[in-house]
Each structure stands twice: as structure tokens, then as C-alpha cells.
N, C-alpha and C. Protein backbone atom coordinates (compact mmCIF):
# COMPACT_ATOMS: atom_id res chain seq x y z
N UNK A 1 10.46 2.24 7.35
CA UNK A 1 9.46 2.44 6.32
C UNK A 1 8.31 3.25 6.90
N UNK A 2 7.76 4.23 6.15
CA UNK A 2 6.61 4.99 6.63
C UNK A 2 5.38 4.09 6.77
N UNK A 3 4.53 4.42 7.70
CA UNK A 3 3.34 3.61 7.99
C UNK A 3 2.12 4.07 7.20
N UNK A 4 1.32 3.13 6.74
CA UNK A 4 0.01 3.43 6.15
C UNK A 4 -1.06 3.18 7.21
N UNK A 5 -2.12 3.97 7.19
CA UNK A 5 -3.16 3.80 8.20
C UNK A 5 -4.45 3.19 7.67
N UNK A 6 -4.77 3.40 6.39
CA UNK A 6 -5.99 2.82 5.81
C UNK A 6 -6.05 3.20 4.34
N UNK A 7 -7.06 2.68 3.64
CA UNK A 7 -7.37 3.15 2.30
C UNK A 7 -8.39 4.26 2.46
N UNK A 8 -8.08 5.44 1.99
CA UNK A 8 -8.95 6.60 2.14
C UNK A 8 -10.03 6.64 1.07
N UNK A 9 -9.64 6.40 -0.19
CA UNK A 9 -10.59 6.50 -1.30
C UNK A 9 -10.55 5.24 -2.15
N UNK A 10 -11.70 4.92 -2.70
CA UNK A 10 -11.83 3.89 -3.72
C UNK A 10 -12.59 4.52 -4.87
N UNK A 11 -12.14 4.27 -6.10
CA UNK A 11 -12.78 4.87 -7.27
C UNK A 11 -13.43 3.80 -8.14
N UNK A 12 -14.65 4.11 -8.59
CA UNK A 12 -15.33 3.32 -9.62
C UNK A 12 -15.62 4.25 -10.78
N UNK A 13 -15.70 3.68 -11.96
CA UNK A 13 -15.94 4.46 -13.18
C UNK A 13 -17.30 4.06 -13.74
N UNK A 14 -18.11 5.07 -14.08
CA UNK A 14 -19.49 4.84 -14.48
C UNK A 14 -19.76 5.50 -15.83
N UNK A 15 -20.76 5.00 -16.53
CA UNK A 15 -21.14 5.56 -17.83
C UNK A 15 -22.22 6.61 -17.73
N UNK A 16 -23.06 6.53 -16.72
CA UNK A 16 -24.19 7.45 -16.55
C UNK A 16 -24.20 7.91 -15.10
N UNK A 17 -23.76 9.15 -14.86
CA UNK A 17 -23.63 9.65 -13.49
C UNK A 17 -24.97 9.73 -12.77
N UNK A 18 -26.02 10.16 -13.46
CA UNK A 18 -27.34 10.23 -12.81
C UNK A 18 -27.80 8.87 -12.35
N UNK A 19 -27.66 7.87 -13.21
CA UNK A 19 -28.06 6.50 -12.85
C UNK A 19 -27.23 5.98 -11.68
N UNK A 20 -25.92 6.23 -11.73
CA UNK A 20 -25.03 5.76 -10.67
C UNK A 20 -25.32 6.44 -9.34
N UNK A 21 -25.49 7.77 -9.36
CA UNK A 21 -25.75 8.47 -8.09
C UNK A 21 -27.09 8.05 -7.51
N UNK A 22 -28.07 7.78 -8.34
CA UNK A 22 -29.36 7.30 -7.85
C UNK A 22 -29.17 5.97 -7.11
N UNK A 23 -28.39 5.06 -7.68
CA UNK A 23 -28.14 3.76 -7.05
C UNK A 23 -27.41 3.92 -5.72
N UNK A 24 -26.32 4.68 -5.71
CA UNK A 24 -25.51 4.78 -4.50
C UNK A 24 -26.21 5.59 -3.40
N UNK A 25 -27.06 6.52 -3.77
CA UNK A 25 -27.80 7.28 -2.77
C UNK A 25 -29.04 6.53 -2.29
N UNK A 26 -29.75 5.86 -3.19
CA UNK A 26 -31.00 5.19 -2.82
C UNK A 26 -30.76 3.79 -2.28
N UNK A 27 -30.06 2.97 -3.05
CA UNK A 27 -29.87 1.57 -2.64
C UNK A 27 -28.80 1.46 -1.55
N UNK A 28 -27.64 2.07 -1.78
CA UNK A 28 -26.56 1.95 -0.81
C UNK A 28 -26.67 2.97 0.32
N UNK A 29 -27.51 3.97 0.16
CA UNK A 29 -27.79 4.99 1.17
C UNK A 29 -26.53 5.71 1.66
N UNK A 30 -25.67 6.06 0.70
CA UNK A 30 -24.45 6.79 1.04
C UNK A 30 -24.68 8.29 0.95
N UNK A 31 -24.25 9.04 1.95
CA UNK A 31 -24.38 10.49 1.89
C UNK A 31 -23.35 11.12 0.96
N UNK A 32 -23.81 12.06 0.17
CA UNK A 32 -22.96 12.74 -0.80
C UNK A 32 -22.05 13.75 -0.11
N UNK A 33 -20.80 13.76 -0.51
CA UNK A 33 -19.84 14.76 -0.05
C UNK A 33 -19.67 15.88 -1.07
N UNK A 34 -19.78 15.53 -2.35
CA UNK A 34 -19.69 16.51 -3.43
C UNK A 34 -20.18 15.89 -4.71
N UNK A 35 -20.67 16.74 -5.62
CA UNK A 35 -21.14 16.28 -6.93
C UNK A 35 -20.71 17.27 -7.99
N UNK A 36 -20.28 16.72 -9.12
CA UNK A 36 -20.02 17.52 -10.31
C UNK A 36 -20.37 16.64 -11.51
N UNK A 37 -20.20 17.18 -12.70
CA UNK A 37 -20.52 16.40 -13.90
C UNK A 37 -19.59 15.21 -14.10
N UNK A 38 -18.36 15.30 -13.60
CA UNK A 38 -17.40 14.22 -13.84
C UNK A 38 -17.05 13.41 -12.60
N UNK A 39 -17.44 13.89 -11.40
CA UNK A 39 -17.05 13.23 -10.15
C UNK A 39 -18.12 13.40 -9.09
N UNK A 40 -18.42 12.32 -8.40
CA UNK A 40 -19.26 12.38 -7.20
C UNK A 40 -18.53 11.62 -6.10
N UNK A 41 -18.57 12.16 -4.89
CA UNK A 41 -17.88 11.55 -3.75
C UNK A 41 -18.90 11.22 -2.67
N UNK A 42 -18.76 10.04 -2.06
CA UNK A 42 -19.68 9.58 -1.03
C UNK A 42 -18.93 9.17 0.23
N UNK A 43 -19.50 9.55 1.36
CA UNK A 43 -18.98 9.16 2.67
C UNK A 43 -19.40 7.72 2.96
N UNK A 44 -18.44 6.89 3.35
CA UNK A 44 -18.73 5.52 3.76
C UNK A 44 -18.45 5.42 5.26
N UNK A 45 -19.47 5.73 6.05
CA UNK A 45 -19.44 5.61 7.50
C UNK A 45 -18.31 6.40 8.17
N UNK A 46 -17.94 7.52 7.58
CA UNK A 46 -16.91 8.35 8.18
C UNK A 46 -15.52 7.72 8.15
N UNK A 47 -15.39 6.57 7.46
CA UNK A 47 -14.12 5.86 7.46
C UNK A 47 -13.41 5.90 6.11
N UNK A 48 -14.16 6.09 5.04
CA UNK A 48 -13.55 6.14 3.71
C UNK A 48 -14.48 6.87 2.75
N UNK A 49 -14.00 7.08 1.54
CA UNK A 49 -14.74 7.83 0.53
C UNK A 49 -14.81 6.98 -0.73
N UNK A 50 -16.01 6.87 -1.28
CA UNK A 50 -16.21 6.23 -2.57
C UNK A 50 -16.32 7.32 -3.62
N UNK A 51 -15.44 7.27 -4.62
CA UNK A 51 -15.45 8.24 -5.71
C UNK A 51 -16.05 7.58 -6.95
N UNK A 52 -16.98 8.28 -7.60
CA UNK A 52 -17.53 7.84 -8.87
C UNK A 52 -17.07 8.83 -9.93
N UNK A 53 -16.41 8.33 -10.97
CA UNK A 53 -15.96 9.15 -12.07
C UNK A 53 -16.66 8.71 -13.34
N UNK A 54 -16.96 9.66 -14.21
CA UNK A 54 -17.46 9.32 -15.54
C UNK A 54 -16.33 8.60 -16.28
N UNK A 55 -16.64 7.41 -16.80
CA UNK A 55 -15.64 6.64 -17.54
C UNK A 55 -15.10 7.49 -18.71
N UNK A 56 -13.80 7.58 -18.80
CA UNK A 56 -13.15 8.37 -19.84
C UNK A 56 -13.07 9.86 -19.51
N UNK A 57 -13.66 10.29 -18.41
CA UNK A 57 -13.69 11.71 -18.06
C UNK A 57 -12.48 12.20 -17.29
N UNK A 58 -11.55 11.30 -17.00
CA UNK A 58 -10.36 11.69 -16.23
C UNK A 58 -9.09 11.31 -16.97
N UNK A 59 -9.15 11.34 -18.30
CA UNK A 59 -7.99 10.95 -19.11
C UNK A 59 -6.98 12.08 -19.29
N UNK A 60 -7.33 13.29 -18.86
CA UNK A 60 -6.42 14.43 -18.92
C UNK A 60 -6.09 14.88 -17.50
N UNK A 61 -4.91 15.42 -17.29
CA UNK A 61 -4.59 15.95 -15.95
C UNK A 61 -5.58 17.06 -15.58
N UNK A 62 -5.85 17.18 -14.29
CA UNK A 62 -6.74 18.23 -13.78
C UNK A 62 -5.93 19.18 -12.91
N UNK A 63 -5.99 20.46 -13.25
CA UNK A 63 -5.32 21.49 -12.46
C UNK A 63 -6.33 22.00 -11.45
N UNK A 64 -6.11 21.72 -10.17
CA UNK A 64 -7.02 22.14 -9.11
C UNK A 64 -6.79 23.58 -8.68
N UNK A 65 -5.76 24.22 -9.22
CA UNK A 65 -5.37 25.54 -8.75
C UNK A 65 -4.39 25.44 -7.60
N UNK A 66 -4.25 24.25 -7.03
CA UNK A 66 -3.30 24.00 -5.94
C UNK A 66 -2.41 22.82 -6.24
N UNK A 67 -2.54 22.30 -7.46
CA UNK A 67 -1.73 21.16 -7.87
C UNK A 67 -2.40 20.42 -9.02
N UNK A 68 -1.72 19.41 -9.50
CA UNK A 68 -2.18 18.64 -10.65
C UNK A 68 -2.57 17.23 -10.19
N UNK A 69 -3.75 16.78 -10.62
CA UNK A 69 -4.15 15.38 -10.42
C UNK A 69 -3.87 14.65 -11.74
N UNK A 70 -3.00 13.65 -11.72
CA UNK A 70 -2.68 12.94 -12.96
C UNK A 70 -3.90 12.18 -13.51
N UNK A 71 -3.87 11.86 -14.82
CA UNK A 71 -4.98 11.13 -15.43
C UNK A 71 -5.11 9.71 -14.87
N UNK A 72 -6.33 9.19 -14.90
CA UNK A 72 -6.62 7.82 -14.48
C UNK A 72 -7.95 7.41 -15.10
N UNK A 73 -8.22 6.13 -15.13
CA UNK A 73 -9.48 5.61 -15.66
C UNK A 73 -9.55 4.12 -15.33
N UNK A 74 -10.71 3.55 -15.51
CA UNK A 74 -10.89 2.12 -15.30
C UNK A 74 -11.88 1.57 -16.31
N UNK A 75 -11.64 0.35 -16.75
CA UNK A 75 -12.52 -0.29 -17.73
C UNK A 75 -12.95 -1.65 -17.22
N UNK A 76 -14.11 -2.06 -17.68
CA UNK A 76 -14.61 -3.37 -17.31
C UNK A 76 -15.27 -3.37 -15.96
N UNK A 77 -15.80 -4.51 -15.56
CA UNK A 77 -16.46 -4.60 -14.26
C UNK A 77 -15.42 -4.66 -13.14
N UNK A 78 -15.30 -3.56 -12.41
CA UNK A 78 -14.37 -3.48 -11.29
C UNK A 78 -15.03 -4.07 -10.04
N UNK A 79 -14.25 -4.26 -8.98
CA UNK A 79 -14.75 -4.86 -7.74
C UNK A 79 -14.35 -4.00 -6.55
N UNK A 80 -15.28 -3.90 -5.60
CA UNK A 80 -14.97 -3.31 -4.30
C UNK A 80 -15.87 -3.94 -3.26
N UNK A 81 -15.47 -3.88 -2.01
CA UNK A 81 -16.25 -4.47 -0.92
C UNK A 81 -16.54 -3.42 0.13
N UNK A 82 -17.78 -3.44 0.62
CA UNK A 82 -18.20 -2.66 1.77
C UNK A 82 -18.19 -3.61 2.97
N UNK A 83 -17.67 -3.16 4.10
CA UNK A 83 -17.69 -3.96 5.31
C UNK A 83 -19.00 -3.71 6.06
N UNK A 84 -19.52 -4.77 6.67
CA UNK A 84 -20.69 -4.64 7.54
C UNK A 84 -20.56 -5.68 8.65
N UNK A 85 -21.46 -5.63 9.59
CA UNK A 85 -21.45 -6.60 10.67
C UNK A 85 -22.21 -7.86 10.24
N UNK A 86 -21.98 -8.93 10.96
CA UNK A 86 -22.72 -10.17 10.69
C UNK A 86 -24.21 -9.96 10.89
N UNK A 87 -24.59 -9.18 11.90
CA UNK A 87 -26.01 -8.92 12.16
C UNK A 87 -26.66 -8.13 11.04
N UNK A 88 -25.91 -7.25 10.38
CA UNK A 88 -26.47 -6.41 9.33
C UNK A 88 -26.63 -7.13 8.00
N UNK A 89 -25.88 -8.19 7.78
CA UNK A 89 -25.89 -8.84 6.47
C UNK A 89 -27.28 -9.33 6.04
N UNK A 90 -28.07 -10.00 6.89
CA UNK A 90 -29.41 -10.40 6.45
C UNK A 90 -30.32 -9.19 6.17
N UNK A 91 -30.15 -8.11 6.91
CA UNK A 91 -30.95 -6.90 6.64
C UNK A 91 -30.55 -6.28 5.30
N UNK A 92 -29.25 -6.33 4.99
CA UNK A 92 -28.80 -5.86 3.68
C UNK A 92 -29.40 -6.71 2.57
N UNK A 93 -29.44 -8.01 2.77
CA UNK A 93 -30.02 -8.89 1.75
C UNK A 93 -31.49 -8.53 1.52
N UNK A 94 -32.25 -8.32 2.58
CA UNK A 94 -33.65 -7.89 2.45
C UNK A 94 -33.75 -6.55 1.74
N UNK A 95 -32.87 -5.62 2.10
CA UNK A 95 -32.87 -4.28 1.50
C UNK A 95 -32.58 -4.36 -0.01
N UNK A 96 -31.59 -5.15 -0.39
CA UNK A 96 -31.26 -5.31 -1.81
C UNK A 96 -32.42 -5.95 -2.57
N UNK A 97 -33.03 -6.97 -1.98
CA UNK A 97 -34.19 -7.60 -2.61
C UNK A 97 -35.33 -6.61 -2.79
N UNK A 98 -35.56 -5.76 -1.80
CA UNK A 98 -36.63 -4.76 -1.88
C UNK A 98 -36.38 -3.75 -2.99
N UNK A 99 -35.11 -3.55 -3.36
CA UNK A 99 -34.75 -2.63 -4.44
C UNK A 99 -34.50 -3.38 -5.76
N UNK A 100 -34.91 -4.65 -5.82
CA UNK A 100 -34.77 -5.48 -7.03
C UNK A 100 -33.33 -5.60 -7.50
N UNK A 101 -32.40 -5.66 -6.55
CA UNK A 101 -30.99 -5.87 -6.86
C UNK A 101 -30.71 -7.37 -6.74
N UNK A 102 -30.28 -7.98 -7.83
CA UNK A 102 -30.00 -9.42 -7.84
C UNK A 102 -28.73 -9.73 -7.09
N UNK A 103 -28.80 -10.69 -6.21
CA UNK A 103 -27.61 -11.17 -5.51
C UNK A 103 -27.02 -12.29 -6.36
N UNK A 104 -25.78 -12.10 -6.81
CA UNK A 104 -25.14 -13.04 -7.73
C UNK A 104 -24.38 -14.15 -7.02
N UNK A 105 -23.98 -13.90 -5.78
CA UNK A 105 -23.21 -14.91 -5.08
C UNK A 105 -23.19 -14.69 -3.59
N UNK A 106 -22.93 -15.78 -2.89
CA UNK A 106 -22.78 -15.77 -1.44
C UNK A 106 -21.56 -16.63 -1.13
N UNK A 107 -20.77 -16.19 -0.17
CA UNK A 107 -19.59 -16.96 0.24
C UNK A 107 -19.51 -16.99 1.75
N UNK A 108 -19.26 -18.18 2.29
CA UNK A 108 -18.94 -18.36 3.70
C UNK A 108 -17.44 -18.61 3.77
N UNK A 109 -16.72 -17.69 4.40
CA UNK A 109 -15.26 -17.79 4.45
C UNK A 109 -14.81 -18.69 5.59
N UNK A 110 -13.66 -19.33 5.42
CA UNK A 110 -13.19 -20.30 6.42
C UNK A 110 -12.92 -19.67 7.78
N UNK A 111 -12.67 -18.36 7.82
CA UNK A 111 -12.43 -17.69 9.10
C UNK A 111 -13.74 -17.25 9.77
N UNK A 112 -14.89 -17.49 9.12
CA UNK A 112 -16.18 -17.16 9.72
C UNK A 112 -16.89 -15.97 9.09
N UNK A 113 -16.23 -15.26 8.19
CA UNK A 113 -16.87 -14.14 7.51
C UNK A 113 -17.86 -14.63 6.46
N UNK A 114 -18.72 -13.74 6.03
CA UNK A 114 -19.70 -14.04 4.99
C UNK A 114 -19.75 -12.86 4.02
N UNK A 115 -20.00 -13.16 2.75
CA UNK A 115 -20.08 -12.12 1.73
C UNK A 115 -21.29 -12.33 0.84
N UNK A 116 -21.88 -11.20 0.43
CA UNK A 116 -22.91 -11.16 -0.61
C UNK A 116 -22.34 -10.36 -1.77
N UNK A 117 -22.60 -10.80 -3.00
CA UNK A 117 -22.11 -10.13 -4.20
C UNK A 117 -23.27 -9.70 -5.08
N UNK A 118 -23.19 -8.48 -5.60
CA UNK A 118 -24.22 -7.93 -6.48
C UNK A 118 -23.57 -6.88 -7.35
N UNK A 119 -24.31 -6.36 -8.33
CA UNK A 119 -23.75 -5.40 -9.29
C UNK A 119 -24.43 -4.04 -9.18
N UNK A 120 -23.65 -3.00 -9.47
CA UNK A 120 -24.24 -1.67 -9.61
C UNK A 120 -24.73 -1.52 -11.05
N UNK A 121 -25.38 -0.42 -11.40
CA UNK A 121 -25.91 -0.27 -12.76
C UNK A 121 -24.85 -0.25 -13.85
N UNK A 122 -23.56 -0.06 -13.50
CA UNK A 122 -22.48 -0.07 -14.48
C UNK A 122 -21.73 -1.39 -14.50
N UNK A 123 -22.31 -2.41 -13.90
CA UNK A 123 -21.78 -3.77 -13.90
C UNK A 123 -20.56 -3.95 -13.00
N UNK A 124 -20.26 -2.98 -12.13
CA UNK A 124 -19.21 -3.17 -11.14
C UNK A 124 -19.69 -4.18 -10.11
N UNK A 125 -18.81 -5.08 -9.71
CA UNK A 125 -19.16 -6.09 -8.72
C UNK A 125 -18.95 -5.52 -7.32
N UNK A 126 -20.04 -5.44 -6.57
CA UNK A 126 -19.99 -4.94 -5.20
C UNK A 126 -20.13 -6.11 -4.24
N UNK A 127 -19.48 -5.99 -3.12
CA UNK A 127 -19.51 -7.03 -2.10
C UNK A 127 -19.88 -6.40 -0.78
N UNK A 128 -20.76 -7.05 -0.05
CA UNK A 128 -21.00 -6.73 1.35
C UNK A 128 -20.32 -7.83 2.14
N UNK A 129 -19.30 -7.46 2.89
CA UNK A 129 -18.47 -8.43 3.60
C UNK A 129 -18.69 -8.29 5.09
N UNK A 130 -19.29 -9.32 5.69
CA UNK A 130 -19.52 -9.33 7.13
C UNK A 130 -18.26 -9.82 7.81
N UNK A 131 -17.73 -8.97 8.66
CA UNK A 131 -16.50 -9.31 9.35
C UNK A 131 -16.69 -9.09 10.85
N UNK A 132 -15.82 -9.65 11.66
CA UNK A 132 -14.55 -10.24 11.28
C UNK A 132 -14.73 -11.62 10.64
N UNK A 133 -13.63 -12.08 10.03
CA UNK A 133 -13.62 -13.42 9.49
C UNK A 133 -13.31 -13.54 8.03
N UNK A 134 -12.93 -12.45 7.37
CA UNK A 134 -12.56 -12.55 5.95
C UNK A 134 -11.05 -12.70 5.81
N UNK A 135 -10.34 -11.74 6.34
CA UNK A 135 -8.89 -11.70 6.26
C UNK A 135 -8.34 -11.71 7.68
N UNK A 136 -7.09 -12.08 7.87
CA UNK A 136 -6.52 -11.96 9.21
C UNK A 136 -6.67 -10.52 9.71
N UNK A 137 -7.29 -10.34 10.82
CA UNK A 137 -7.49 -9.00 11.40
C UNK A 137 -8.73 -8.28 10.89
N UNK A 138 -9.46 -8.85 9.93
CA UNK A 138 -10.66 -8.21 9.39
C UNK A 138 -11.82 -9.18 9.39
């Protein structure tokens, strides 16, 4: 069987790109890789890419000139997790509080990991997961 090495991209769908990019650039402090009216891409520590798409804006195939990207979309409050260190988690909590971001939940995992849960402006559930200690090997 061929080997997988990681998840390269994660996509979230947003209703207001300006509002979403403001949140991910200001609160999450992610550097932009590209921006357009229907898609914004952010670098997550050189390890993965967060894609923001306008909800309903990717329902038709896209011809890139080098191939076709099939249609996709997402509805409802989606979930994704950002990894951080245990030392960084309290600083993230202070940072979120300073930006008036409500923390909806906290979890202490049986393997020793800890998570904070909060929402982006489009109601997507975001998690800051301090590892190791969430999953075997993570």
C-alpha cells in the first residue's frame, strides 16, 4: 500500500471572506499564502495549509489551466484542531481572551493532552490541542 505522510490542507467554508481573513490573520496570526475573492490560503507553521473558501463558491469545477479541481463545499459548523505545545496553551488562552474570543470548552485528555475550544466568526469549532497526549503518537 502507498504511504501517506501527513494532511497537507484543511478547508473551512465561510460566509464573509473579509471577516474570516481578519480573524485568521489577527487572532490566529496565520501568514497568508494567497488571497482571492473565493479562496484564501494560510501557512500553519510550515507544516500544513488552512484553506478558506466562500461557502457555495466552489460548487462548480475550476479549470486551473493545468487541470480540473472538482466541486466541493461544506455546511454547518465544521471542526478543526491546531496543535500547540503544553507551554503555549495558557498563552493562547490569554491571547484569545484579549481578542474577546469566548472559550467554549476545555478538555484534559487521559493521555495528558489538553484542548481549548472556541469558534471563528462563521461558527466553525476550532481547537487548540496541546500535545503530546491526545492520540497515540500525538
